[in-house]
Amino acid sequence: MSFPKDEKGQIIKGKKRHPTIGNNVVIYSGATLLGPDAIVGDNVVIGGNSWVTSPVAPGTKITIARPELNYKKKKA
């Protein structure tokens, strides 16, 4: 994410830059919430290693899919 800039390329001060977190929200280790658009409603659970940059409705549970390990046999 980047900071908003004016026509001269200078950073505009006083603009909201951080997420808004509701009540009773659980954010697990490794989760990333970026920007002013990441508005998290009440009673939300955000799992570890999740990446949030947009609004989250109240009562939502965010998780990521379990990674799958694939083995490929090397030809002899």
N, C-alpha and C. Protein backbone atom coordinates (compact mmCIF):
# COMPACT_ATOMS: atom_id res chain seq x y z
N MET A 1 0.86 -1.16 0.00
CA MET A 1 0.00 0.00 0.00
C MET A 1 0.92 1.23 0.00
N SER A 2 0.42 2.31 -0.51
CA SER A 2 1.25 3.51 -0.54
C SER A 2 0.48 4.68 0.07
N PHE A 3 1.20 5.72 0.41
CA PHE A 3 0.60 6.91 1.00
C PHE A 3 0.01 7.79 -0.11
N PRO A 4 -1.14 8.42 0.13
CA PRO A 4 -1.70 9.32 -0.89
C PRO A 4 -0.79 10.54 -1.07
N LYS A 5 -0.64 10.97 -2.32
CA LYS A 5 0.24 12.09 -2.63
C LYS A 5 -0.52 13.17 -3.39
N ASP A 6 -0.05 14.43 -3.25
CA ASP A 6 -0.67 15.53 -3.97
C ASP A 6 -0.08 15.62 -5.38
N GLU A 7 -0.48 16.65 -6.13
CA GLU A 7 -0.02 16.81 -7.51
C GLU A 7 1.49 17.02 -7.64
N LYS A 8 2.14 17.44 -6.54
CA LYS A 8 3.60 17.65 -6.56
C LYS A 8 4.35 16.40 -6.09
N GLY A 9 3.62 15.34 -5.74
CA GLY A 9 4.26 14.12 -5.29
C GLY A 9 4.55 14.08 -3.80
N GLN A 10 4.07 15.08 -3.07
CA GLN A 10 4.28 15.14 -1.62
C GLN A 10 3.20 14.33 -0.91
N ILE A 11 3.58 13.65 0.18
CA ILE A 11 2.62 12.86 0.94
C ILE A 11 1.60 13.79 1.60
N ILE A 12 0.32 13.45 1.46
CA ILE A 12 -0.76 14.23 2.07
C ILE A 12 -0.90 13.80 3.52
N LYS A 13 -0.73 14.75 4.44
CA LYS A 13 -0.82 14.44 5.86
C LYS A 13 -2.26 14.56 6.34
N GLY A 14 -2.59 13.83 7.39
CA GLY A 14 -3.91 13.90 7.98
C GLY A 14 -4.93 12.94 7.40
N LYS A 15 -4.57 12.15 6.39
CA LYS A 15 -5.49 11.17 5.80
C LYS A 15 -5.44 9.88 6.62
N LYS A 16 -6.57 9.18 6.71
CA LYS A 16 -6.64 7.91 7.42
C LYS A 16 -5.78 6.89 6.69
N ARG A 17 -4.91 6.18 7.44
CA ARG A 17 -4.00 5.21 6.83
C ARG A 17 -4.13 3.81 7.41
N HIS A 18 -4.80 3.67 8.55
CA HIS A 18 -4.83 2.39 9.24
C HIS A 18 -6.22 1.76 9.23
N PRO A 19 -6.28 0.42 9.42
CA PRO A 19 -7.58 -0.25 9.46
C PRO A 19 -8.40 0.16 10.69
N THR A 20 -9.70 -0.05 10.62
CA THR A 20 -10.60 0.17 11.74
C THR A 20 -11.04 -1.20 12.23
N ILE A 21 -10.86 -1.48 13.53
CA ILE A 21 -11.17 -2.78 14.11
C ILE A 21 -12.38 -2.66 15.02
N GLY A 22 -13.39 -3.53 14.83
CA GLY A 22 -14.60 -3.52 15.64
C GLY A 22 -14.37 -4.16 17.01
N ASN A 23 -15.46 -4.41 17.73
CA ASN A 23 -15.42 -5.01 19.06
C ASN A 23 -15.39 -6.54 18.95
N ASN A 24 -14.77 -7.17 19.94
CA ASN A 24 -14.70 -8.64 20.04
C ASN A 24 -14.07 -9.27 18.80
N VAL A 25 -13.03 -8.65 18.27
CA VAL A 25 -12.33 -9.16 17.09
C VAL A 25 -11.08 -9.90 17.55
N VAL A 26 -10.85 -11.10 16.97
CA VAL A 26 -9.65 -11.88 17.26
C VAL A 26 -8.80 -11.88 16.00
N ILE A 27 -7.54 -11.42 16.13
CA ILE A 27 -6.60 -11.40 15.02
C ILE A 27 -5.42 -12.28 15.40
N TYR A 28 -5.26 -13.40 14.72
CA TYR A 28 -4.20 -14.34 15.04
C TYR A 28 -2.85 -13.88 14.48
N SER A 29 -1.81 -14.40 15.07
CA SER A 29 -0.44 -14.07 14.71
C SER A 29 -0.18 -14.27 13.22
N GLY A 30 0.51 -13.34 12.62
CA GLY A 30 0.87 -13.44 11.22
C GLY A 30 -0.15 -12.84 10.27
N ALA A 31 -1.32 -12.44 10.79
CA ALA A 31 -2.33 -11.82 9.93
C ALA A 31 -1.87 -10.40 9.58
N THR A 32 -2.21 -9.96 8.38
CA THR A 32 -1.84 -8.62 7.92
C THR A 32 -3.09 -7.86 7.53
N LEU A 33 -3.28 -6.69 8.13
CA LEU A 33 -4.40 -5.80 7.80
C LEU A 33 -3.79 -4.49 7.34
N LEU A 34 -4.10 -4.09 6.11
CA LEU A 34 -3.49 -2.90 5.54
C LEU A 34 -4.51 -1.91 5.01
N GLY A 35 -4.28 -0.66 5.27
CA GLY A 35 -5.02 0.43 4.65
C GLY A 35 -6.31 0.83 5.32
N PRO A 36 -6.80 2.00 4.96
CA PRO A 36 -8.02 2.55 5.56
C PRO A 36 -9.28 1.81 5.12
N ASP A 37 -9.22 1.05 4.02
CA ASP A 37 -10.38 0.31 3.54
C ASP A 37 -10.61 -0.99 4.29
N ALA A 38 -9.64 -1.41 5.10
CA ALA A 38 -9.77 -2.65 5.88
C ALA A 38 -10.56 -2.33 7.15
N ILE A 39 -11.88 -2.23 7.00
CA ILE A 39 -12.78 -1.95 8.12
C ILE A 39 -13.34 -3.29 8.58
N VAL A 40 -12.98 -3.69 9.81
CA VAL A 40 -13.36 -4.99 10.33
C VAL A 40 -14.53 -4.82 11.29
N GLY A 41 -15.64 -5.52 11.01
CA GLY A 41 -16.83 -5.43 11.84
C GLY A 41 -16.67 -6.16 13.17
N ASP A 42 -17.70 -6.12 13.99
CA ASP A 42 -17.70 -6.77 15.30
C ASP A 42 -17.73 -8.30 15.15
N ASN A 43 -17.18 -8.97 16.17
CA ASN A 43 -17.22 -10.44 16.28
C ASN A 43 -16.61 -11.15 15.08
N VAL A 44 -15.49 -10.66 14.60
CA VAL A 44 -14.79 -11.25 13.47
C VAL A 44 -13.57 -12.02 13.98
N VAL A 45 -13.24 -13.13 13.31
CA VAL A 45 -12.02 -13.89 13.60
C VAL A 45 -11.19 -13.87 12.33
N ILE A 46 -9.94 -13.41 12.44
CA ILE A 46 -9.02 -13.37 11.30
C ILE A 46 -7.88 -14.32 11.61
N GLY A 47 -7.80 -15.39 10.83
CA GLY A 47 -6.79 -16.42 11.04
C GLY A 47 -5.39 -15.96 10.70
N GLY A 48 -4.42 -16.69 11.24
CA GLY A 48 -3.01 -16.39 10.99
C GLY A 48 -2.65 -16.47 9.52
N ASN A 49 -1.72 -15.63 9.11
CA ASN A 49 -1.20 -15.54 7.75
C ASN A 49 -2.23 -15.06 6.73
N SER A 50 -3.38 -14.55 7.20
CA SER A 50 -4.37 -13.98 6.29
C SER A 50 -3.94 -12.57 5.89
N TRP A 51 -4.42 -12.11 4.76
CA TRP A 51 -4.07 -10.80 4.22
C TRP A 51 -5.37 -10.05 3.95
N VAL A 52 -5.65 -8.95 4.67
CA VAL A 52 -6.92 -8.23 4.56
C VAL A 52 -6.66 -6.79 4.13
N THR A 53 -7.29 -6.37 3.01
CA THR A 53 -7.16 -4.99 2.54
C THR A 53 -8.52 -4.39 2.19
N SER A 54 -9.61 -5.13 2.45
CA SER A 54 -10.95 -4.65 2.14
C SER A 54 -11.87 -4.87 3.34
N PRO A 55 -13.08 -4.28 3.33
CA PRO A 55 -13.98 -4.40 4.48
C PRO A 55 -14.36 -5.86 4.79
N VAL A 56 -14.57 -6.13 6.09
CA VAL A 56 -14.97 -7.46 6.54
C VAL A 56 -16.28 -7.31 7.31
N ALA A 57 -17.30 -8.04 6.89
CA ALA A 57 -18.63 -7.95 7.51
C ALA A 57 -18.61 -8.52 8.93
N PRO A 58 -19.45 -7.99 9.82
CA PRO A 58 -19.54 -8.51 11.19
C PRO A 58 -19.85 -10.01 11.19
N GLY A 59 -19.23 -10.74 12.13
CA GLY A 59 -19.49 -12.17 12.28
C GLY A 59 -18.75 -13.06 11.31
N THR A 60 -17.82 -12.51 10.53
CA THR A 60 -17.09 -13.28 9.52
C THR A 60 -15.89 -13.99 10.15
N LYS A 61 -15.56 -15.18 9.62
CA LYS A 61 -14.36 -15.90 10.01
C LYS A 61 -13.49 -16.05 8.77
N ILE A 62 -12.27 -15.51 8.83
CA ILE A 62 -11.36 -15.53 7.68
C ILE A 62 -10.24 -16.53 7.96
N THR A 63 -10.06 -17.47 7.04
CA THR A 63 -8.96 -18.43 7.14
C THR A 63 -8.34 -18.59 5.76
N ILE A 64 -7.17 -19.17 5.71
CA ILE A 64 -6.56 -19.49 4.42
C ILE A 64 -6.60 -21.00 4.25
N ALA A 65 -6.58 -21.44 3.00
CA ALA A 65 -6.60 -22.88 2.72
C ALA A 65 -5.30 -23.51 3.19
N ARG A 66 -5.41 -24.72 3.68
CA ARG A 66 -4.22 -25.45 4.13
C ARG A 66 -3.34 -25.73 2.91
N PRO A 67 -2.03 -25.43 3.00
CA PRO A 67 -1.15 -25.69 1.87
C PRO A 67 -1.02 -27.19 1.59
N GLU A 68 -0.82 -27.53 0.36
CA GLU A 68 -0.68 -28.92 -0.03
C GLU A 68 0.75 -29.16 -0.50
N LEU A 69 1.36 -30.20 0.03
CA LEU A 69 2.74 -30.53 -0.33
C LEU A 69 2.71 -31.57 -1.44
N ASN A 70 3.33 -31.27 -2.56
CA ASN A 70 3.36 -32.19 -3.71
C ASN A 70 4.79 -32.65 -3.96
N TYR A 71 4.96 -33.95 -4.17
CA TYR A 71 6.27 -34.52 -4.49
C TYR A 71 6.27 -34.94 -5.95
N LYS A 72 7.36 -34.68 -6.63
CA LYS A 72 7.50 -35.08 -8.02
C LYS A 72 8.75 -35.94 -8.12
N LYS A 73 8.59 -37.17 -8.63
CA LYS A 73 9.73 -38.07 -8.77
C LYS A 73 10.63 -37.61 -9.89
N LYS A 74 11.92 -37.61 -9.61
CA LYS A 74 12.91 -37.23 -10.62
C LYS A 74 13.18 -38.43 -11.51
N LYS A 75 13.21 -38.20 -12.82
CA LYS A 75 13.49 -39.29 -13.76
C LYS A 75 14.97 -39.64 -13.70
N ALA A 76 15.23 -40.95 -13.71
CA ALA A 76 16.62 -41.43 -13.59
C ALA A 76 17.35 -41.43 -14.90
